[in-house]
PDB file of N, CA and C in Angstrom:
ATOM      1  N   SER A   1       0.762  -1.067   0.099  1.00  0.00           N
ATOM      2  CA  SER A   1      -0.064   0.013  -0.156  1.00  0.00           C
ATOM      3  C   SER A   1       0.815   1.307   0.056  1.00  0.00           C
ATOM      4  N   PRO A   2       0.283   2.267  -0.284  1.00  0.00           N
ATOM      5  CA  PRO A   2       1.209   3.595  -0.492  1.00  0.00           C
ATOM      6  C   PRO A   2       1.660   3.961   1.099  1.00  0.00           C
ATOM      7  N   GLU A   3       0.923   3.713   1.997  1.00  0.00           N
ATOM      8  CA  GLU A   3       1.204   3.934   3.386  1.00  0.00           C
ATOM      9  C   GLU A   3       2.500   3.278   3.713  1.00  0.00           C
ATOM     10  N   GLU A   4       2.476   1.877   3.579  1.00  0.00           N
ATOM     11  CA  GLU A   4       3.611   0.771   3.729  1.00  0.00           C
ATOM     12  C   GLU A   4       4.838   1.498   3.008  1.00  0.00           C
ATOM     13  N   GLN A   5       4.563   1.795   1.750  1.00  0.00           N
ATOM     14  CA  GLN A   5       5.738   2.173   1.063  1.00  0.00           C
ATOM     15  C   GLN A   5       6.450   3.582   1.492  1.00  0.00           C
ATOM     16  N   LEU A   6       5.561   4.346   2.016  1.00  0.00           N
ATOM     17  CA  LEU A   6       6.148   5.743   2.519  1.00  0.00           C
ATOM     18  C   LEU A   6       6.693   5.402   3.887  1.00  0.00           C
ATOM     19  N   MET A   7       6.405   4.354   4.596  1.00  0.00           N
ATOM     20  CA  MET A   7       6.911   4.067   5.851  1.00  0.00           C
ATOM     21  C   MET A   7       8.309   3.317   5.633  1.00  0.00           C
ATOM     22  N   VAL A   8       8.409   2.393   4.767  1.00  0.00           N
ATOM     23  CA  VAL A   8       9.729   1.926   4.348  1.00  0.00           C
ATOM     24  C   VAL A   8      10.499   2.936   3.846  1.00  0.00           C
ATOM     25  N   ARG A   9      10.212   3.830   3.006  1.00  0.00           N
ATOM     26  CA  ARG A   9      11.115   4.895   2.429  1.00  0.00           C
ATOM     27  C   ARG A   9      11.629   5.745   3.564  1.00  0.00           C
ATOM     28  N   ARG A  10      10.789   6.005   4.619  1.00  0.00           N
ATOM     29  CA  ARG A  10      11.365   6.857   5.714  1.00  0.00           C
ATOM     30  C   ARG A  10      12.114   6.201   6.530  1.00  0.00           C
ATOM     31  N   SER A  11      11.999   4.939   6.861  1.00  0.00           N
ATOM     32  CA  SER A  11      12.784   4.134   7.599  1.00  0.00           C
ATOM     33  C   SER A  11      14.171   4.038   6.916  1.00  0.00           C
ATOM     34  N   LEU A  12      14.306   3.782   5.777  1.00  0.00           N
ATOM     35  CA  LEU A  12      15.333   4.019   4.964  1.00  0.00           C
ATOM     36  C   LEU A  12      16.269   5.055   5.085  1.00  0.00           C
ATOM     37  N   GLU A  13      15.559   6.173   4.779  1.00  0.00           N
ATOM     38  CA  GLU A  13      16.159   7.552   4.768  1.00  0.00           C
ATOM     39  C   GLU A  13      16.642   7.838   6.282  1.00  0.00           C
ATOM     40  N   GLN A  14      16.177   7.347   7.424  1.00  0.00           N
ATOM     41  CA  GLN A  14      16.507   7.524   8.601  1.00  0.00           C
ATOM     42  C   GLN A  14      17.708   6.697   8.854  1.00  0.00           C
ATOM     43  N   ALA A  15      17.768   5.306   8.503  1.00  0.00           N
ATOM     44  CA  ALA A  15      18.963   4.558   8.558  1.00  0.00           C
ATOM     45  C   ALA A  15      20.140   5.174   7.777  1.00  0.00           C
ATOM     46  N   LEU A  16      19.944   5.809   6.587  1.00  0.00           N
ATOM     47  CA  LEU A  16      21.101   6.173   5.716  1.00  0.00           C
ATOM     48  C   LEU A  16      21.581   7.219   6.766  1.00  0.00           C
ATOM     49  N   ARG A  17      20.814   8.323   7.278  1.00  0.00           N
ATOM     50  CA  ARG A  17      21.259   9.517   7.936  1.00  0.00           C
ATOM     51  C   ARG A  17      22.073   9.180   9.181  1.00  0.00           C
ATOM     52  N   ALA A  18      21.719   7.884   9.718  1.00  0.00           N
ATOM     53  CA  ALA A  18      22.648   7.423  10.853  1.00  0.00           C
ATOM     54  C   ALA A  18      24.118   7.205  10.417  1.00  0.00           C
ATOM     55  N   LEU A  19      24.318   6.787   9.132  1.00  0.00           N
ATOM     56  CA  LEU A  19      25.671   6.371   8.694  1.00  0.00           C
ATOM     57  C   LEU A  19      26.509   7.555   8.657  1.00  0.00           C
ATOM     58  N   ASP A  20      27.726   7.434   8.910  1.00  0.00           N
ATOM     59  CA  ASP A  20      28.839   8.446   8.741  1.00  0.00           C
ATOM     60  C   ASP A  20      29.010   9.019   7.063  1.00  0.00           C
ATOM     61  N   GLU A  21      29.437  10.112   6.888  1.00  0.00           N
ATOM     62  CA  GLU A  21      29.496  10.617   5.584  1.00  0.00           C
ATOM     63  C   GLU A  21      29.925   9.694   4.483  1.00  0.00           C
ATOM     64  N   ARG A  22      31.031   9.111   4.847  1.00  0.00           N
ATOM     65  CA  ARG A  22      31.856   8.156   3.745  1.00  0.00           C
ATOM     66  C   ARG A  22      30.798   6.849   3.398  1.00  0.00           C
ATOM     67  N   GLU A  23      30.281   6.440   4.625  1.00  0.00           N
ATOM     68  CA  GLU A  23      29.433   5.364   4.166  1.00  0.00           C
ATOM     69  C   GLU A  23      28.225   5.717   3.362  1.00  0.00           C
ATOM     70  N   GLN A  24      27.795   6.887   3.726  1.00  0.00           N
ATOM     71  CA  GLN A  24      26.616   7.360   2.965  1.00  0.00           C
ATOM     72  C   GLN A  24      26.832   7.430   1.390  1.00  0.00           C
ATOM     73  N   ARG A  25      28.093   8.064   1.140  1.00  0.00           N
ATOM     74  CA  ARG A  25      28.527   8.229  -0.086  1.00  0.00           C
ATOM     75  C   ARG A  25      28.633   6.982  -1.069  1.00  0.00           C
ATOM     76  N   VAL A  26      29.233   6.110  -0.203  1.00  0.00           N
ATOM     77  CA  VAL A  26      29.502   4.639  -0.927  1.00  0.00           C
ATOM     78  C   VAL A  26      28.006   4.126  -1.223  1.00  0.00           C
ATOM     79  N   ILE A  27      27.217   4.047  -0.224  1.00  0.00           N
ATOM     80  CA  ILE A  27      25.687   3.558  -0.452  1.00  0.00           C
ATOM     81  C   ILE A  27      25.313   4.352  -1.634  1.00  0.00           C
ATOM     82  N   GLN A  28      25.409   5.660  -1.649  1.00  0.00           N
ATOM     83  CA  GLN A  28      24.746   6.360  -2.785  1.00  0.00           C
ATOM     84  C   GLN A  28      25.233   6.015  -4.273  1.00  0.00           C
ATOM     85  N   MET A  29      26.478   5.959  -4.123  1.00  0.00           N
ATOM     86  CA  MET A  29      27.350   5.916  -5.435  1.00  0.00           C
ATOM     87  C   MET A  29      26.876   4.565  -5.882  1.00  0.00           C
ATOM     88  N   TYR A  30      26.904   3.497  -5.038  1.00  0.00           N
ATOM     89  CA  TYR A  30      26.665   2.116  -5.466  1.00  0.00           C
ATOM     90  C   TYR A  30      25.330   1.654  -5.858  1.00  0.00           C
ATOM     91  N   TYR A  31      24.335   2.245  -5.107  1.00  0.00           N
ATOM     92  CA  TYR A  31      22.881   1.818  -5.450  1.00  0.00           C
ATOM     93  C   TYR A  31      22.092   2.800  -6.237  1.00  0.00           C
ATOM     94  N   GLU A  32      22.475   4.158  -5.998  1.00  0.00           N
ATOM     95  CA  GLU A  32      21.742   5.033  -6.780  1.00  0.00           C
ATOM     96  C   GLU A  32      22.428   5.522  -8.029  1.00  0.00           C
ATOM     97  N   PHE A  33      23.617   5.589  -8.198  1.00  0.00           N
ATOM     98  CA  PHE A  33      24.329   5.920  -9.449  1.00  0.00           C
ATOM     99  C   PHE A  33      24.859   4.834 -10.000  1.00  0.00           C
ATOM    100  N   GLU A  34      24.728   3.541  -9.408  1.00  0.00           N
ATOM    101  CA  GLU A  34      25.267   2.416  -9.890  1.00  0.00           C
ATOM    102  C   GLU A  34      26.776   2.212 -10.327  1.00  0.00           C
ATOM    103  N   LEU A  35      27.546   2.916  -9.604  1.00  0.00           N
ATOM    104  CA  LEU A  35      29.049   2.785  -9.874  1.00  0.00           C
ATOM    105  C   LEU A  35      29.605   1.596  -9.362  1.00  0.00           C
ATOM    106  N   SER A  36      30.547   1.163 -10.012  1.00  0.00           N
ATOM    107  CA  SER A  36      31.228  -0.149  -9.452  1.00  0.00           C
ATOM    108  C   SER A  36      32.133   0.198  -8.430  1.00  0.00           C
ATOM    109  N   TYR A  37      32.567  -0.703  -7.544  1.00  0.00           N
ATOM    110  CA  TYR A  37      33.552  -0.493  -6.543  1.00  0.00           C
ATOM    111  C   TYR A  37      34.766   0.123  -7.007  1.00  0.00           C
ATOM    112  N   LYS A  38      35.303  -0.119  -8.178  1.00  0.00           N
ATOM    113  CA  LYS A  38      36.536   0.403  -8.810  1.00  0.00           C
ATOM    114  C   LYS A  38      36.112   1.859  -8.957  1.00  0.00           C
ATOM    115  N   GLU A  39      35.210   2.160  -9.652  1.00  0.00           N
ATOM    116  CA  GLU A  39      34.793   3.658  -9.725  1.00  0.00           C
ATOM    117  C   GLU A  39      34.584   4.517  -8.582  1.00  0.00           C
ATOM    118  N   ILE A  40      34.050   3.926  -7.431  1.00  0.00           N
ATOM    119  CA  ILE A  40      33.822   4.461  -6.477  1.00  0.00           C
ATOM    120  C   ILE A  40      35.104   4.746  -5.674  1.00  0.00           C
ATOM    121  N   ALA A  41      35.981   3.787  -5.504  1.00  0.00           N
ATOM    122  CA  ALA A  41      37.503   3.757  -5.427  1.00  0.00           C
ATOM    123  C   ALA A  41      38.184   5.034  -5.796  1.00  0.00           C
ATOM    124  N   ALA A  42      38.141   5.137  -7.045  1.00  0.00           N
ATOM    125  CA  ALA A  42      38.666   6.344  -7.665  1.00  0.00           C
ATOM    126  C   ALA A  42      38.411   7.477  -7.246  1.00  0.00           C
ATOM    127  N   VAL A  43      36.785   7.718  -6.908  1.00  0.00           N
ATOM    128  CA  VAL A  43      36.478   9.012  -6.714  1.00  0.00           C
ATOM    129  C   VAL A  43      36.728   9.411  -5.196  1.00  0.00           C
ATOM    130  N   LEU A  44      36.695   8.356  -4.347  1.00  0.00           N
ATOM    131  CA  LEU A  44      37.185   8.601  -2.846  1.00  0.00           C
ATOM    132  C   LEU A  44      38.491   8.244  -2.649  1.00  0.00           C
ATOM    133  N   ASP A  45      39.325   8.065  -3.510  1.00  0.00           N
ATOM    134  CA  ASP A  45      40.792   7.706  -3.343  1.00  0.00           C
ATOM    135  C   ASP A  45      41.053   6.664  -2.125  1.00  0.00           C
ATOM    136  N   LEU A  46      40.271   5.589  -2.421  1.00  0.00           N
ATOM    137  CA  LEU A  46      40.375   4.346  -1.664  1.00  0.00           C
ATOM    138  C   LEU A  46      40.550   3.197  -2.525  1.00  0.00           C
ATOM    139  N   SER A  47      40.981   2.016  -1.860  1.00  0.00           N
ATOM    140  CA  SER A  47      41.236   1.034  -2.527  1.00  0.00           C
ATOM    141  C   SER A  47      39.741   0.091  -2.685  1.00  0.00           C
ATOM    142  N   ASP A  48      39.549  -0.691  -3.716  1.00  0.00           N
ATOM    143  CA  ASP A  48      38.406  -1.417  -4.043  1.00  0.00           C
ATOM    144  C   ASP A  48      37.839  -2.231  -2.890  1.00  0.00           C
ATOM    145  N   ALA A  49      38.943  -2.843  -2.162  1.00  0.00           N
ATOM    146  CA  ALA A  49      38.657  -3.412  -1.004  1.00  0.00           C
ATOM    147  C   ALA A  49      38.083  -2.846   0.104  1.00  0.00           C
ATOM    148  N   ARG A  50      38.452  -1.523   0.212  1.00  0.00           N
ATOM    149  CA  ARG A  50      38.076  -0.561   1.467  1.00  0.00           C
ATOM    150  C   ARG A  50      36.652  -0.123   1.035  1.00  0.00           C
ATOM    151  N   VAL A  51      36.306   0.107  -0.247  1.00  0.00           N
ATOM    152  CA  VAL A  51      34.920   0.442  -0.781  1.00  0.00           C
ATOM    153  C   VAL A  51      34.051  -0.878  -0.327  1.00  0.00           C
ATOM    154  N   CYS A  52      34.494  -1.884  -0.698  1.00  0.00           N
ATOM    155  CA  CYS A  52      33.659  -3.147  -0.247  1.00  0.00           C
ATOM    156  C   CYS A  52      33.467  -3.319   0.989  1.00  0.00           C
ATOM    157  N   GLN A  53      34.457  -3.016   1.997  1.00  0.00           N
ATOM    158  CA  GLN A  53      34.283  -3.124   3.572  1.00  0.00           C
ATOM    159  C   GLN A  53      33.206  -2.025   3.987  1.00  0.00           C
ATOM    160  N   LEU A  54      33.409  -0.783   3.384  1.00  0.00           N
ATOM    161  CA  LEU A  54      32.400   0.170   3.678  1.00  0.00           C
ATOM    162  C   LEU A  54      30.986  -0.002   3.370  1.00  0.00           C
ATOM    163  N   ASN A  55      30.948  -0.606   2.206  1.00  0.00           N
ATOM    164  CA  ASN A  55      29.615  -0.959   1.588  1.00  0.00           C
ATOM    165  C   ASN A  55      28.939  -1.961   2.785  1.00  0.00           C
ATOM    166  N   LYS A  56      29.811  -3.073   3.001  1.00  0.00           N
ATOM    167  CA  LYS A  56      29.344  -4.123   3.923  1.00  0.00           C
ATOM    168  C   LYS A  56      28.945  -3.569   5.323  1.00  0.00           C
ATOM    169  N   THR A  57      29.778  -2.697   5.850  1.00  0.00           N
ATOM    170  CA  THR A  57      29.608  -2.142   7.212  1.00  0.00           C
ATOM    171  C   THR A  57      28.398  -1.261   7.107  1.00  0.00           C
ATOM    172  N   ALA A  58      28.213  -0.445   6.243  1.00  0.00           N
ATOM    173  CA  ALA A  58      27.126   0.547   6.071  1.00  0.00           C
ATOM    174  C   ALA A  58      25.767  -0.338   6.115  1.00  0.00           C
ATOM    175  N   LEU A  59      25.682  -1.344   5.167  1.00  0.00           N
ATOM    176  CA  LEU A  59      24.436  -2.229   5.048  1.00  0.00           C
ATOM    177  C   LEU A  59      24.143  -2.973   6.377  1.00  0.00           C
ATOM    178  N   GLY A  60      25.351  -3.504   7.047  1.00  0.00           N
ATOM    179  CA  GLY A  60      25.087  -4.023   8.516  1.00  0.00           C
ATOM    180  C   GLY A  60      24.345  -3.066   9.495  1.00  0.00           C
ATOM    181  N   LYS A  61      24.802  -1.785   9.447  1.00  0.00           N
ATOM    182  CA  LYS A  61      24.233  -0.792  10.432  1.00  0.00           C
ATOM    183  C   LYS A  61      22.980  -0.397  10.043  1.00  0.00           C
ATOM    184  N   MET A  62      22.637  -0.366   8.672  1.00  0.00           N
ATOM    185  CA  MET A  62      21.329  -0.136   8.263  1.00  0.00           C
ATOM    186  C   MET A  62      20.389  -1.239   8.663  1.00  0.00           C
ATOM    187  N   LYS A  63      20.843  -2.585   8.426  1.00  0.00           N
ATOM    188  CA  LYS A  63      19.950  -3.724   8.736  1.00  0.00           C
ATOM    189  C   LYS A  63      19.646  -3.798  10.253  1.00  0.00           C
ATOM    190  N   ALA A  64      20.572  -3.507  11.089  1.00  0.00           N
ATOM    191  CA  ALA A  64      20.331  -3.446  12.542  1.00  0.00           C
ATOM    192  C   ALA A  64      19.450  -2.308  12.850  1.00  0.00           C
ATOM    193  N   MET A  65      19.506  -1.134  12.289  1.00  0.00           N
ATOM    194  CA  MET A  65      18.623  -0.091  12.507  1.00  0.00           C
ATOM    195  C   MET A  65      17.288  -0.381  12.345  1.00  0.00           C
ATOM    196  N   LEU A  66      17.055  -1.033  11.083  1.00  0.00           N
ATOM    197  CA  LEU A  66      15.690  -1.271  10.362  1.00  0.00           C
ATOM    198  C   LEU A  66      15.111  -2.552  11.271  1.00  0.00           C
ATOM    199  N   GLN A  67      15.870  -3.379  11.824  1.00  0.00           N
ATOM    200  CA  GLN A  67      15.430  -4.435  12.707  1.00  0.00           C
ATOM    201  C   GLN A  67      14.928  -4.019  14.038  1.00  0.00           C
ATOM    202  N   ASP A  68      15.582  -2.962  14.492  1.00  0.00           N
ATOM    203  CA  ASP A  68      15.345  -2.310  15.935  1.00  0.00           C
ATOM    204  C   ASP A  68      13.958  -1.314  15.638  1.00  0.00           C
ATOM    205  N   ALA A  69      13.626  -0.861  14.574  1.00  0.00           N
ATOM    206  CA  ALA A  69      12.569  -0.153  14.278  1.00  0.00           C
ATOM    207  C   ALA A  69      11.264  -0.688  14.474  1.00  0.00           C
TER     208      ALA A  69
END
């Protein structure tokens, strides 16, 4: 239903705001702009492996927040 979709969207936005800035940027670039880890690494001046770690950490934090909600 539209109400459920709105609630899910707000929950996701809240979970995103709880991340630190670098994690937010990784999530945005990967899922919204569909950049590869290699492309994100070049933008943020990090290794591909570090981008992968940040993505995994951010998703874990978001999952924990959403489960608590």
